[in-house]
C-alpha cells in the first residue's frame, strides 16, 4: 500500500515538473521573440 502511494506521489511530481518545464519553455520562447522584435524594430 505504501509503495503504491509513493508511486502516485512520484507521478504527481513528474506531472508538476512537466508543467514547470513547459511554462519555462514558453517564457524563454516569448522572451526570445520579444528580444528579436525589439532588435529588428531598432534597425
C-alpha atoms as a PDB file:
ATOM      1  CA  UNK A   1       0.000   0.000   0.000  1.00  0.00           C
ATOM      2  CA  UNK A   2       2.756   2.445   0.887  1.00  0.00           C
ATOM      3  CA  UNK A   3       4.605   1.615  -2.336  1.00  0.00           C
ATOM      4  CA  UNK A   4       1.522   2.464  -4.366  1.00  0.00           C
ATOM      5  CA  UNK A   5       1.202   5.758  -2.509  1.00  0.00           C
ATOM      6  CA  UNK A   6       4.819   6.687  -3.215  1.00  0.00           C
ATOM      7  CA  UNK A   7       4.333   5.775  -6.884  1.00  0.00           C
ATOM      8  CA  UNK A   8       1.337   8.115  -7.018  1.00  0.00           C
ATOM      9  CA  UNK A   9       3.392  10.860  -5.393  1.00  0.00           C
ATOM     10  CA  UNK A  10       6.224  10.292  -7.880  1.00  0.00           C
ATOM     11  CA  UNK A  11       3.758  10.512 -10.769  1.00  0.00           C
ATOM     12  CA  UNK A  12       2.310  13.764  -9.401  1.00  0.00           C
ATOM     13  CA  UNK A  13       5.819  15.185  -9.016  1.00  0.00           C
ATOM     14  CA  UNK A  14       6.630  14.207 -12.615  1.00  0.00           C
ATOM     15  CA  UNK A  15       3.467  15.931 -13.855  1.00  0.00           C
ATOM     16  CA  UNK A  16       4.303  19.077 -11.883  1.00  0.00           C
ATOM     17  CA  UNK A  17       7.856  19.038 -13.256  1.00  0.00           C
ATOM     18  CA  UNK A  18       6.464  18.687 -16.774  1.00  0.00           C
ATOM     19  CA  UNK A  19       4.187  21.677 -16.237  1.00  0.00           C
ATOM     20  CA  UNK A  20       7.060  23.762 -14.878  1.00  0.00           C
ATOM     21  CA  UNK A  21       9.261  22.733 -17.821  1.00  0.00           C
ATOM     22  CA  UNK A  22       6.524  23.698 -20.266  1.00  0.00           C
ATOM     23  CA  UNK A  23       5.985  27.067 -18.583  1.00  0.00           C
ATOM     24  CA  UNK A  24       9.726  27.742 -18.553  1.00  0.00           C
ATOM     25  CA  UNK A  25       9.976  26.865 -22.252  1.00  0.00           C
ATOM     26  CA  UNK A  26       7.105  29.206 -23.126  1.00  0.00           C
ATOM     27  CA  UNK A  27       8.665  32.038 -21.108  1.00  0.00           C
ATOM     28  CA  UNK A  28      12.031  31.541 -22.820  1.00  0.00           C
ATOM     29  CA  UNK A  29      10.458  31.448 -26.283  1.00  0.00           C
ATOM     30  CA  UNK A  30       8.370  34.576 -25.622  1.00  0.00           C
ATOM     31  CA  UNK A  31      11.445  36.364 -24.277  1.00  0.00           C
ATOM     32  CA  UNK A  32      13.465  35.477 -27.372  1.00  0.00           C
ATOM     33  CA  UNK A  33      10.634  36.612 -29.652  1.00  0.00           C
ATOM     34  CA  UNK A  34      10.317  39.896 -27.745  1.00  0.00           C
ATOM     35  CA  UNK A  35      14.078  40.479 -27.973  1.00  0.00           C
ATOM     36  CA  UNK A  36      14.049  39.706 -31.698  1.00  0.00           C
ATOM     37  CA  UNK A  37      11.129  42.080 -32.338  1.00  0.00           C
ATOM     38  CA  UNK A  38      12.766  44.820 -30.273  1.00  0.00           C
ATOM     39  CA  UNK A  39      16.113  44.325 -32.062  1.00  0.00           C
ATOM     40  CA  UNK A  40      14.529  44.364 -35.513  1.00  0.00           C
ATOM     41  CA  UNK A  41      12.409  47.424 -34.724  1.00  0.00           C
ATOM     42  CA  UNK A  42      15.551  49.361 -33.774  1.00  0.00           C
ATOM     43  CA  UNK A  43      17.365  48.562 -37.005  1.00  0.00           C
END
